Amino acid sequence: MTATPTIPDVLPPAGATEVHDWRTEDGKTARRFWGSPIVFEIAPVGSVVVQVAGAQFADATAEWWIETQGSERLTSPCRAPTR
């Protein structure tokens, strides 16, 4: 990515706690952002950090995703519904 000037009319996405500078890559101008991390303790083995992240584009639209970091793999006790 190459640095581009700040785009002052575009507010950061709601809930963003960290917003990086605007950059242009592949002809698209965007900036990365993150929300507040949440730590989930998984007793007795460790913890998992879950954080909303994304890319905001110059037209104010954004793509959102979830990032995780942890000492344990996330699993779910859910099963497919039976018919």
C-alpha atoms as a PDB file:
ATOM      1  CA  MET A   1       0.000   0.000   0.000  1.00  0.00           C
ATOM      2  CA  THR A   2       1.167   3.529  -0.645  1.00  0.00           C
ATOM      3  CA  ALA A   3       0.301   6.441   1.628  1.00  0.00           C
ATOM      4  CA  THR A   4      -2.370   8.886   0.468  1.00  0.00           C
ATOM      5  CA  PRO A   5      -3.578  12.179   1.929  1.00  0.00           C
ATOM      6  CA  THR A   6      -6.120  12.191   4.737  1.00  0.00           C
ATOM      7  CA  ILE A   7      -9.757  12.216   3.640  1.00  0.00           C
ATOM      8  CA  PRO A   8     -11.285  14.606   6.207  1.00  0.00           C
ATOM      9  CA  ASP A   9     -14.988  14.192   5.324  1.00  0.00           C
ATOM     10  CA  VAL A  10     -15.066  10.464   6.153  1.00  0.00           C
ATOM     11  CA  LEU A  11     -15.645   9.728   9.836  1.00  0.00           C
ATOM     12  CA  PRO A  12     -14.256   6.486  11.276  1.00  0.00           C
ATOM     13  CA  PRO A  13     -16.724   3.588  11.492  1.00  0.00           C
ATOM     14  CA  ALA A  14     -18.879   3.441  14.617  1.00  0.00           C
ATOM     15  CA  GLY A  15     -17.109   1.577  17.400  1.00  0.00           C
ATOM     16  CA  ALA A  16     -13.631   1.940  15.904  1.00  0.00           C
ATOM     17  CA  THR A  17     -11.040   2.470  18.630  1.00  0.00           C
ATOM     18  CA  GLU A  18      -7.956   2.422  16.400  1.00  0.00           C
ATOM     19  CA  VAL A  19      -7.912   3.813  12.856  1.00  0.00           C
ATOM     20  CA  HIS A  20      -4.877   3.785  10.578  1.00  0.00           C
ATOM     21  CA  ASP A  21      -3.898   6.211   7.800  1.00  0.00           C
ATOM     22  CA  TRP A  22      -5.477   6.125   4.353  1.00  0.00           C
ATOM     23  CA  ARG A  23      -3.579   4.078   1.761  1.00  0.00           C
ATOM     24  CA  THR A  24      -4.090   3.190  -1.880  1.00  0.00           C
ATOM     25  CA  GLU A  25      -3.674  -0.392  -3.074  1.00  0.00           C
ATOM     26  CA  ASP A  26      -4.859  -1.869  -6.357  1.00  0.00           C
ATOM     27  CA  GLY A  27      -6.549   1.446  -7.191  1.00  0.00           C
ATOM     28  CA  LYS A  28      -8.672   1.474  -3.994  1.00  0.00           C
ATOM     29  CA  THR A  29      -8.184   3.972  -1.168  1.00  0.00           C
ATOM     30  CA  ALA A  30      -8.885   2.503   2.272  1.00  0.00           C
ATOM     31  CA  ARG A  31      -7.805   2.485   5.887  1.00  0.00           C
ATOM     32  CA  ARG A  32      -7.763  -0.324   8.439  1.00  0.00           C
ATOM     33  CA  PHE A  33      -9.593  -0.086  11.750  1.00  0.00           C
ATOM     34  CA  TRP A  34     -10.102  -2.112  14.931  1.00  0.00           C
ATOM     35  CA  GLY A  35     -12.624  -2.120  17.759  1.00  0.00           C
ATOM     36  CA  SER A  36     -11.986  -2.839  21.429  1.00  0.00           C
ATOM     37  CA  PRO A  37     -10.611  -6.319  22.086  1.00  0.00           C
ATOM     38  CA  ILE A  38     -12.560  -8.659  24.362  1.00  0.00           C
ATOM     39  CA  VAL A  39     -10.711 -11.368  26.292  1.00  0.00           C
ATOM     40  CA  PHE A  40     -12.512 -14.645  26.975  1.00  0.00           C
ATOM     41  CA  GLU A  41     -10.924 -16.817  29.643  1.00  0.00           C
ATOM     42  CA  ILE A  42     -11.054 -20.534  28.888  1.00  0.00           C
ATOM     43  CA  ALA A  43     -10.487 -22.178  32.250  1.00  0.00           C
ATOM     44  CA  PRO A  44      -8.172 -23.803  33.015  1.00  0.00           C
ATOM     45  CA  VAL A  45      -6.179 -23.698  29.767  1.00  0.00           C
ATOM     46  CA  GLY A  46      -5.883 -20.101  28.563  1.00  0.00           C
ATOM     47  CA  SER A  47      -7.758 -17.295  26.846  1.00  0.00           C
ATOM     48  CA  VAL A  48      -8.969 -16.057  23.469  1.00  0.00           C
ATOM     49  CA  VAL A  49      -8.967 -12.411  22.344  1.00  0.00           C
ATOM     50  CA  VAL A  50     -11.782 -11.470  19.944  1.00  0.00           C
ATOM     51  CA  GLN A  51     -11.675  -8.164  18.070  1.00  0.00           C
ATOM     52  CA  VAL A  52     -13.758  -6.564  15.327  1.00  0.00           C
ATOM     53  CA  ALA A  53     -11.579  -5.279  12.489  1.00  0.00           C
ATOM     54  CA  GLY A  54     -12.112  -3.995   8.990  1.00  0.00           C
ATOM     55  CA  ALA A  55     -11.281  -1.770   6.087  1.00  0.00           C
ATOM     56  CA  GLN A  56     -13.044   1.532   5.428  1.00  0.00           C
ATOM     57  CA  PHE A  57     -13.078   2.915   1.898  1.00  0.00           C
ATOM     58  CA  ALA A  58     -12.982   6.545   0.717  1.00  0.00           C
ATOM     59  CA  ASP A  59     -16.747   6.467  -0.018  1.00  0.00           C
ATOM     60  CA  ALA A  60     -17.306   5.665   3.733  1.00  0.00           C
ATOM     61  CA  THR A  61     -18.366   2.047   3.119  1.00  0.00           C
ATOM     62  CA  ALA A  62     -16.605  -0.607   5.156  1.00  0.00           C
ATOM     63  CA  GLU A  63     -15.901  -4.320   5.223  1.00  0.00           C
ATOM     64  CA  TRP A  64     -15.947  -5.874   8.705  1.00  0.00           C
ATOM     65  CA  TRP A  65     -14.519  -9.110  10.058  1.00  0.00           C
ATOM     66  CA  ILE A  66     -13.652 -10.790  13.346  1.00  0.00           C
ATOM     67  CA  GLU A  67     -10.047 -11.489  14.328  1.00  0.00           C
ATOM     68  CA  THR A  68      -9.096 -13.927  17.077  1.00  0.00           C
ATOM     69  CA  GLN A  69      -5.888 -14.665  18.922  1.00  0.00           C
ATOM     70  CA  GLY A  70      -5.553 -17.236  21.602  1.00  0.00           C
ATOM     71  CA  SER A  71      -3.919 -20.160  23.210  1.00  0.00           C
ATOM     72  CA  GLU A  72      -6.796 -22.511  22.438  1.00  0.00           C
ATOM     73  CA  ARG A  73      -8.868 -23.427  19.410  1.00  0.00           C
ATOM     74  CA  LEU A  74     -12.463 -22.162  19.392  1.00  0.00           C
ATOM     75  CA  THR A  75     -15.089 -24.884  19.189  1.00  0.00           C
ATOM     76  CA  SER A  76     -18.841 -24.941  19.513  1.00  0.00           C
ATOM     77  CA  PRO A  77     -21.024 -27.450  21.339  1.00  0.00           C
ATOM     78  CA  CYS A  78     -23.791 -26.812  18.795  1.00  0.00           C
ATOM     79  CA  ARG A  79     -25.070 -29.592  16.532  1.00  0.00           C
ATOM     80  CA  ALA A  80     -27.053 -29.471  13.326  1.00  0.00           C
ATOM     81  CA  PRO A  81     -30.799 -29.554  14.046  1.00  0.00           C
ATOM     82  CA  THR A  82     -32.533 -32.887  13.587  1.00  0.00           C
ATOM     83  CA  ARG A  83     -35.645 -33.250  11.494  1.00  0.00           C
END
